[in-house]
N, C-alpha and C. Protein backbone atom coordinates (compact mmCIF):
# COMPACT_ATOMS: atom_id res chain seq x y z
N MET A 1 -12.17 6.17 -24.56
CA MET A 1 -11.93 6.43 -23.89
C MET A 1 -12.62 8.13 -23.14
N PRO A 2 -12.72 9.01 -22.71
CA PRO A 2 -13.90 9.20 -22.11
C PRO A 2 -12.54 10.59 -22.17
N VAL A 3 -13.44 12.33 -22.57
CA VAL A 3 -12.99 13.47 -22.69
C VAL A 3 -12.29 13.57 -21.62
N LEU A 4 -11.11 13.92 -21.47
CA LEU A 4 -10.50 13.85 -20.10
C LEU A 4 -10.68 15.40 -19.39
N HIS A 5 -10.26 16.27 -20.18
CA HIS A 5 -10.61 17.12 -19.60
C HIS A 5 -12.80 17.90 -19.33
N THR A 6 -12.73 16.17 -18.34
CA THR A 6 -14.14 17.19 -17.64
C THR A 6 -14.07 16.66 -16.19
N PHE A 7 -14.88 16.83 -15.50
CA PHE A 7 -14.81 15.89 -14.50
C PHE A 7 -14.59 14.64 -14.03
N ALA A 8 -15.56 13.50 -14.56
CA ALA A 8 -15.79 11.81 -15.57
C ALA A 8 -14.05 11.79 -15.77
N GLY A 9 -13.39 12.80 -16.68
CA GLY A 9 -12.29 11.99 -17.38
C GLY A 9 -10.65 12.44 -16.10
N ALA A 10 -11.74 13.78 -15.74
CA ALA A 10 -11.11 13.37 -14.46
C ALA A 10 -10.34 12.93 -13.07
N ILE A 11 -11.66 11.94 -12.75
CA ILE A 11 -11.13 10.87 -11.64
C ILE A 11 -10.85 10.01 -12.77
N TYR A 12 -11.31 9.47 -13.88
CA TYR A 12 -10.38 8.45 -14.60
C TYR A 12 -8.95 8.86 -14.47
N LEU A 13 -7.97 10.04 -14.29
CA LEU A 13 -6.85 9.84 -14.83
C LEU A 13 -6.40 9.48 -13.35
N LEU A 14 -7.08 10.52 -12.35
CA LEU A 14 -6.49 10.02 -11.46
C LEU A 14 -7.08 8.65 -10.30
N GLN A 15 -7.99 7.19 -10.68
CA GLN A 15 -7.76 6.38 -10.19
C GLN A 15 -6.75 5.47 -10.55
N ILE A 16 -6.08 5.88 -12.47
CA ILE A 16 -5.62 5.42 -13.47
C ILE A 16 -3.91 5.50 -12.55
N PHE A 17 -3.62 7.21 -11.91
CA PHE A 17 -2.87 7.83 -11.39
C PHE A 17 -2.77 7.24 -9.38
N VAL A 18 -3.18 7.02 -8.76
CA VAL A 18 -3.87 6.37 -7.87
C VAL A 18 -2.99 5.35 -7.71
N SER A 19 -4.32 4.31 -8.65
CA SER A 19 -3.96 2.77 -8.85
C SER A 19 -1.99 2.67 -9.56
N ALA A 20 -1.89 3.15 -9.97
CA ALA A 20 0.07 2.79 -10.64
C ALA A 20 0.62 3.24 -9.69
N PHE A 21 0.01 4.60 -8.73
CA PHE A 21 1.31 4.45 -7.02
C PHE A 21 1.88 3.76 -6.41
N PHE A 22 -0.13 3.22 -6.30
CA PHE A 22 0.10 2.28 -5.13
C PHE A 22 0.73 1.08 -5.04
N ALA A 23 0.56 0.28 -6.94
CA ALA A 23 1.43 -0.62 -7.81
C ALA A 23 2.46 -0.67 -7.40
N ILE A 24 3.59 0.80 -8.32
CA ILE A 24 4.43 0.76 -7.21
C ILE A 24 4.99 0.65 -6.38
N LEU A 25 4.17 1.32 -5.13
CA LEU A 25 4.85 1.41 -3.89
C LEU A 25 4.74 0.44 -3.38
N PHE A 26 3.55 -0.70 -3.08
CA PHE A 26 3.90 -2.13 -2.51
C PHE A 26 4.22 -3.08 -3.47
N LEU A 27 4.66 -2.96 -4.64
CA LEU A 27 4.73 -3.93 -5.22
C LEU A 27 6.94 -3.44 -5.59
N GLN A 28 7.32 -3.13 -4.59
CA GLN A 28 8.88 -2.76 -4.97
C GLN A 28 8.54 -2.93 -3.62
N SER A 29 8.17 -2.70 -2.34
CA SER A 29 8.44 -3.15 -0.61
C SER A 29 8.46 -3.85 -0.68
N GLY A 30 7.22 -4.78 -0.95
CA GLY A 30 6.86 -6.28 -0.83
C GLY A 30 8.43 -7.43 -1.86
N ILE A 31 8.03 -6.61 -2.53
CA ILE A 31 9.72 -7.30 -3.39
C ILE A 31 10.22 -7.57 -2.73
N ASP A 32 10.80 -6.64 -2.31
CA ASP A 32 12.36 -6.65 -1.59
C ASP A 32 12.35 -7.10 -0.57
N LYS A 33 10.84 -6.92 0.14
CA LYS A 33 11.33 -8.13 1.83
C LYS A 33 10.94 -9.69 1.05
N VAL A 34 10.84 -9.61 -0.01
CA VAL A 34 10.37 -11.35 -0.71
C VAL A 34 12.27 -11.86 -0.81
N ILE A 35 12.93 -11.30 -2.50
CA ILE A 35 14.01 -11.05 -2.51
C ILE A 35 14.91 -11.31 -1.02
N ASP A 36 15.59 -10.03 0.09
CA ASP A 36 15.95 -9.81 0.73
C ASP A 36 15.63 -9.79 2.75
N ARG A 37 14.97 -11.20 2.52
CA ARG A 37 14.41 -11.52 3.34
C ARG A 37 14.74 -11.82 4.50
N ARG A 38 15.86 -12.04 4.46
CA ARG A 38 17.07 -12.18 5.65
C ARG A 38 17.88 -10.73 5.68
N GLY A 39 17.55 -9.58 5.38
CA GLY A 39 18.65 -8.70 5.86
C GLY A 39 16.84 -7.53 6.57
N ASN A 40 15.71 -8.02 5.71
CA ASN A 40 14.39 -7.12 6.79
C ASN A 40 14.63 -7.36 7.18
N LEU A 41 14.85 -9.27 7.96
CA LEU A 41 14.49 -9.19 8.69
C LEU A 41 15.57 -9.26 9.79
N GLU A 42 16.28 -9.16 9.92
CA GLU A 42 17.63 -8.52 10.25
C GLU A 42 17.43 -7.50 11.37
N TRP A 43 16.89 -6.29 9.89
CA TRP A 43 17.73 -4.85 10.77
C TRP A 43 16.09 -4.69 11.25
N LEU A 44 14.53 -5.76 10.83
CA LEU A 44 13.22 -5.66 11.89
C LEU A 44 13.79 -5.47 13.11
N LYS A 45 14.50 -6.60 13.27
CA LYS A 45 14.57 -7.30 14.59
C LYS A 45 14.86 -6.79 14.95
N GLY A 46 16.45 -6.10 14.99
CA GLY A 46 16.82 -4.74 15.36
C GLY A 46 16.50 -3.69 16.14
N HIS A 47 15.04 -3.48 14.71
CA HIS A 47 14.35 -1.87 15.38
C HIS A 47 13.21 -2.19 16.00
N PHE A 48 12.56 -3.56 16.65
CA PHE A 48 12.18 -3.35 17.34
C PHE A 48 12.30 -4.35 18.81
N ALA A 49 13.00 -4.94 19.17
CA ALA A 49 14.69 -5.10 20.29
C ALA A 49 13.79 -4.79 21.59
N LYS A 50 12.52 -3.55 21.21
CA LYS A 50 12.57 -2.80 22.73
C LYS A 50 11.19 -2.73 22.45
N SER A 51 10.64 -2.86 21.80
CA SER A 51 9.30 -3.28 22.01
C SER A 51 8.37 -4.45 22.36
N PRO A 52 7.21 -4.80 23.13
CA PRO A 52 6.26 -5.53 23.25
C PRO A 52 6.58 -6.42 21.77
N LEU A 53 6.70 -6.04 20.09
CA LEU A 53 6.62 -7.31 19.52
C LEU A 53 7.92 -7.32 19.55
N ALA A 54 9.01 -7.39 20.12
CA ALA A 54 9.84 -8.08 19.65
C ALA A 54 9.95 -9.73 19.71
N GLY A 55 9.33 -10.33 20.51
CA GLY A 55 9.00 -12.30 20.07
C GLY A 55 9.02 -12.37 18.30
N ILE A 56 7.48 -12.23 18.18
CA ILE A 56 6.58 -11.41 16.60
C ILE A 56 7.41 -11.21 15.39
N VAL A 57 8.68 -10.51 15.24
CA VAL A 57 9.08 -10.05 14.14
C VAL A 57 8.25 -10.78 13.28
N PRO A 58 9.49 -12.11 12.99
CA PRO A 58 9.26 -12.62 11.57
C PRO A 58 7.15 -13.53 11.74
N ALA A 59 6.81 -12.97 12.58
CA ALA A 59 4.98 -12.95 11.57
C ALA A 59 5.06 -12.26 10.97
N MET A 60 5.76 -11.01 12.39
CA MET A 60 5.14 -9.64 11.13
C MET A 60 5.29 -9.06 9.93
N VAL A 61 7.09 -9.77 9.95
CA VAL A 61 7.60 -9.32 8.20
C VAL A 61 6.66 -10.16 6.81
N THR A 62 6.11 -11.67 8.05
CA THR A 62 5.70 -12.61 6.93
C THR A 62 3.88 -11.91 6.52
N ALA A 63 3.67 -11.43 7.35
CA ALA A 63 2.36 -10.19 7.36
C ALA A 63 2.29 -9.61 5.74
N ILE A 64 3.25 -8.73 7.29
CA ILE A 64 3.14 -7.17 6.41
C ILE A 64 4.47 -7.50 4.67
N THR A 65 4.34 -9.01 4.43
CA THR A 65 4.96 -9.00 2.89
C THR A 65 3.84 -9.54 2.34
N PHE A 66 2.99 -10.03 3.30
CA PHE A 66 2.19 -10.56 2.04
C PHE A 66 0.81 -9.72 2.02
N LEU A 67 0.72 -9.01 2.68
CA LEU A 67 -0.69 -7.26 2.62
C LEU A 67 0.44 -6.04 1.46
N GLU A 68 1.54 -6.00 1.67
CA GLU A 68 2.13 -5.51 0.31
C GLU A 68 2.03 -6.21 -0.48
N VAL A 69 2.52 -7.21 -0.93
CA VAL A 69 2.42 -7.46 -2.51
C VAL A 69 0.84 -7.94 -2.68
N ALA A 70 0.01 -8.36 -1.90
CA ALA A 70 -1.41 -7.93 -2.03
C ALA A 70 -1.77 -6.71 -2.98
N ALA A 71 -1.46 -5.82 -2.03
CA ALA A 71 -1.80 -4.44 -2.33
C ALA A 71 -1.18 -3.82 -3.47
N GLY A 72 -0.11 -4.70 -4.17
CA GLY A 72 0.12 -3.69 -5.15
C GLY A 72 0.20 -4.50 -6.59
N ALA A 73 -0.25 -5.48 -6.22
CA ALA A 73 -0.29 -6.66 -7.48
C ALA A 73 -2.07 -6.13 -7.80
N LEU A 74 -3.16 -6.50 -6.87
CA LEU A 74 -4.00 -5.60 -7.01
C LEU A 74 -4.27 -4.23 -7.39
N SER A 75 -3.97 -3.07 -7.57
CA SER A 75 -3.36 -1.60 -7.73
C SER A 75 -2.37 -2.17 -9.05
N ALA A 76 -2.29 -2.66 -9.59
CA ALA A 76 -1.47 -3.23 -10.88
C ALA A 76 -2.19 -3.64 -11.33
N ILE A 77 -2.93 -4.31 -11.02
CA ILE A 77 -3.81 -5.01 -12.06
C ILE A 77 -5.04 -4.35 -12.12
N GLY A 78 -5.30 -3.68 -10.96
CA GLY A 78 -6.58 -2.92 -11.14
C GLY A 78 -6.34 -1.52 -11.96
N CYS A 79 -5.24 -1.33 -12.02
CA CYS A 79 -5.01 -0.06 -12.87
C CYS A 79 -5.02 -0.16 -14.37
N VAL A 80 -4.00 -1.31 -15.60
CA VAL A 80 -5.01 -2.12 -16.73
C VAL A 80 -6.04 -2.55 -16.52
N VAL A 81 -7.36 -2.59 -15.90
CA VAL A 81 -8.52 -3.33 -16.39
C VAL A 81 -9.12 -1.47 -15.84
N ILE A 82 -8.94 -0.11 -15.57
CA ILE A 82 -9.15 0.73 -15.16
C ILE A 82 -9.28 1.35 -17.22
N ILE A 83 -7.97 0.91 -17.15
CA ILE A 83 -6.95 1.41 -18.73
C ILE A 83 -8.39 1.28 -19.59
N LEU A 84 -8.36 0.13 -19.54
CA LEU A 84 -8.69 -1.04 -20.20
C LEU A 84 -10.63 -1.34 -21.05
N SER A 85 -11.08 -0.88 -19.28
CA SER A 85 -12.20 -1.36 -19.51
C SER A 85 -13.29 -0.61 -18.08
N ARG A 86 -12.82 0.89 -17.85
CA ARG A 86 -13.05 1.75 -16.95
C ARG A 86 -13.56 1.34 -15.91
N ASP A 87 -13.37 -0.64 -15.71
CA ASP A 87 -13.79 -0.53 -14.23
C ASP A 87 -13.09 -0.39 -13.17
N SER A 88 -13.46 0.06 -12.27
CA SER A 88 -12.29 0.23 -10.57
C SER A 88 -12.79 -0.68 -9.54
N THR A 89 -13.05 -1.92 -10.44
CA THR A 89 -13.86 -2.96 -8.32
C THR A 89 -12.03 -3.16 -8.42
N VAL A 90 -11.46 -4.17 -9.24
CA VAL A 90 -10.30 -4.40 -9.03
C VAL A 90 -8.80 -3.62 -8.02
N ALA A 91 -9.13 -2.17 -8.90
CA ALA A 91 -8.59 -1.42 -8.20
C ALA A 91 -9.02 -0.85 -6.87
N PHE A 92 -9.97 -0.63 -6.83
CA PHE A 92 -10.68 -0.16 -5.40
C PHE A 92 -9.98 -1.45 -3.84
N TYR A 93 -10.21 -2.87 -4.24
CA TYR A 93 -9.25 -3.64 -3.14
C TYR A 93 -8.07 -3.42 -3.22
N GLY A 94 -6.97 -3.44 -3.79
CA GLY A 94 -5.87 -2.44 -3.91
C GLY A 94 -6.16 -1.32 -3.16
N GLY A 95 -6.71 -0.39 -3.18
CA GLY A 95 -6.39 0.54 -2.36
C GLY A 95 -6.92 0.46 -1.50
N VAL A 96 -8.44 -0.73 -0.55
CA VAL A 96 -8.40 -1.07 0.51
C VAL A 96 -6.99 -1.68 1.86
N ILE A 97 -6.82 -2.49 0.99
CA ILE A 97 -5.51 -3.38 1.23
C ILE A 97 -4.36 -2.59 1.69
N SER A 98 -4.33 -1.38 0.71
CA SER A 98 -2.58 -0.91 0.52
C SER A 98 -3.14 0.02 2.38
N ALA A 99 -4.53 0.66 2.32
CA ALA A 99 -4.84 1.06 3.91
C ALA A 99 -4.86 0.86 4.81
N ILE A 100 -5.27 -0.87 4.89
CA ILE A 100 -4.15 -1.39 5.75
C ILE A 100 -3.45 -2.41 6.06
N SER A 101 -2.09 -2.31 4.90
CA SER A 101 -1.28 -2.16 5.27
C SER A 101 -0.70 -1.32 5.68
N ILE A 102 -0.63 0.39 5.02
CA ILE A 102 -0.46 0.78 5.45
C ILE A 102 -0.24 1.17 7.80
N VAL A 103 -1.92 0.95 8.20
CA VAL A 103 -2.03 0.89 9.11
C VAL A 103 -1.08 -0.16 9.93
N ALA A 104 -0.33 -1.39 9.75
CA ALA A 104 -0.25 -1.77 10.08
C ALA A 104 1.20 -1.51 10.57
N LEU A 105 2.12 -0.87 9.53
CA LEU A 105 2.98 -0.93 9.62
C LEU A 105 3.61 0.51 10.73
N PHE A 106 1.96 1.49 10.40
CA PHE A 106 2.53 2.35 11.39
C PHE A 106 2.12 2.22 12.99
N PHE A 107 0.82 1.21 13.09
CA PHE A 107 0.92 0.46 13.96
C PHE A 107 2.52 0.12 15.15
N GLY A 108 3.05 -0.80 13.60
CA GLY A 108 4.44 -1.58 14.31
C GLY A 108 5.77 -0.10 14.74
N GLN A 109 5.39 1.16 13.58
CA GLN A 109 6.52 2.49 14.60
C GLN A 109 5.63 2.24 15.31
N ARG A 110 4.10 2.47 15.71
CA ARG A 110 3.71 3.37 16.79
C ARG A 110 4.44 2.40 18.28
N MET A 111 4.57 1.29 17.63
CA MET A 111 4.29 0.30 18.50
C MET A 111 6.47 -0.05 18.90
N ALA A 112 7.68 0.31 17.98
CA ALA A 112 9.05 0.84 18.08
C ALA A 112 9.25 1.54 19.02
N LYS A 113 8.61 3.04 19.70
CA LYS A 113 8.51 4.41 19.68
C LYS A 113 9.52 5.34 18.10
N ASP A 114 8.55 4.44 17.24
CA ASP A 114 9.84 5.63 16.26
C ASP A 114 8.26 6.25 15.48
N TYR A 115 7.74 7.70 16.11
CA TYR A 115 7.64 8.58 16.02
C TYR A 115 7.47 9.47 14.70
N ALA A 116 9.09 9.85 14.37
CA ALA A 116 9.11 9.68 12.42
C ALA A 116 8.78 9.69 11.72
N GLY A 117 9.14 7.76 11.70
CA GLY A 117 9.18 7.08 11.07
C GLY A 117 7.54 7.06 10.75
N ALA A 118 7.16 6.69 11.38
CA ALA A 118 4.74 6.75 11.90
C ALA A 118 4.58 7.85 10.87
N ALA A 119 5.18 9.14 11.74
CA ALA A 119 4.37 10.69 10.95
C ALA A 119 5.30 10.49 9.92
N VAL A 120 5.38 9.28 8.60
CA VAL A 120 5.84 9.16 6.62
C VAL A 120 4.98 8.91 6.77
N LEU A 121 4.57 8.19 7.63
CA LEU A 121 3.08 7.11 6.80
C LEU A 121 2.01 8.16 6.72
N VAL A 122 2.06 9.13 7.34
CA VAL A 122 0.12 9.63 7.09
C VAL A 122 -0.31 10.02 6.31
N PRO A 123 1.05 11.57 5.30
CA PRO A 123 0.66 11.23 4.08
C PRO A 123 -0.12 9.92 2.90
N TYR A 124 0.88 9.14 3.65
CA TYR A 124 1.07 8.41 2.16
C TYR A 124 -1.31 6.94 2.83
N PHE A 125 -1.16 7.51 4.08
CA PHE A 125 -2.22 7.11 4.43
C PHE A 125 -3.47 7.67 3.88
N LEU A 126 -3.32 9.27 4.13
CA LEU A 126 -4.34 10.04 3.21
C LEU A 126 -4.83 9.50 2.26
N LEU A 127 -3.68 9.28 1.55
CA LEU A 127 -3.75 8.93 -0.12
C LEU A 127 -4.70 8.14 0.13
N ALA A 128 -4.49 6.73 0.97
CA ALA A 128 -4.87 5.24 0.90
C ALA A 128 -6.75 5.78 0.58
N LEU A 129 -6.63 6.75 1.95
CA LEU A 129 -8.57 6.86 1.70
C LEU A 129 -8.87 7.81 1.12
N SER A 130 -8.50 8.57 0.19
CA SER A 130 -8.78 8.34 -0.94
C SER A 130 -8.93 8.07 -2.23
N ALA A 131 -8.24 7.01 -2.01
CA ALA A 131 -7.91 6.05 -2.97
C ALA A 131 -8.81 5.49 -3.59
N ILE A 132 -9.53 5.17 -2.03
CA ILE A 132 -10.55 4.44 -1.36
C ILE A 132 -11.84 5.29 -2.50
N TYR A 133 -11.86 6.04 -1.51
CA TYR A 133 -12.78 7.75 -2.40
C TYR A 133 -13.04 7.29 -3.77
N LEU A 134 -11.73 7.86 -4.37
CA LEU A 134 -11.18 7.77 -5.73
C LEU A 134 -12.59 6.14 -6.18
N LEU A 135 -11.28 5.41 -6.29
CA LEU A 135 -11.91 4.24 -6.84
C LEU A 135 -13.16 3.60 -6.47
N ALA A 136 -14.31 4.12 -5.89
CA ALA A 136 -15.72 3.61 -5.39
C ALA A 136 -16.65 4.34 -6.07
N GLN A 137 -15.39 5.29 -7.33
CA GLN A 137 -16.60 5.85 -8.45
C GLN A 137 -16.80 5.45 -9.46
N ARG A 138 -17.12 5.41 -10.33
CA ARG A 138 -18.07 4.32 -11.69
C ARG A 138 -18.01 5.66 -12.02
């Protein structure tokens, strides 16, 4: 384990924390969509009822579920790998899929004209961009 009170130690801790954060965020959200697919689908059908995406809600739910579970799983595995071997490669790809997931969610919110919901995603996206940068560090 590196000395934590150094620049390298700070990067190491940031990599662990950002990976853990995205693991929790996306695994919870993705698993919820798997466990309560019907409830999520019904809510989202109403949310997108007046948007051009109304006809493809089931496909969108499947796609975003896949993205969220992949982002969460890669981030969780990557977090463990960083702790055990200081290799951030897996977590880096978790960060990339996290950013893709957030862009997809942002697109959906904008298409549904839920501007407040879209605005809430901006800090998550900025964190994902920061995560990609941090996780590219060795």
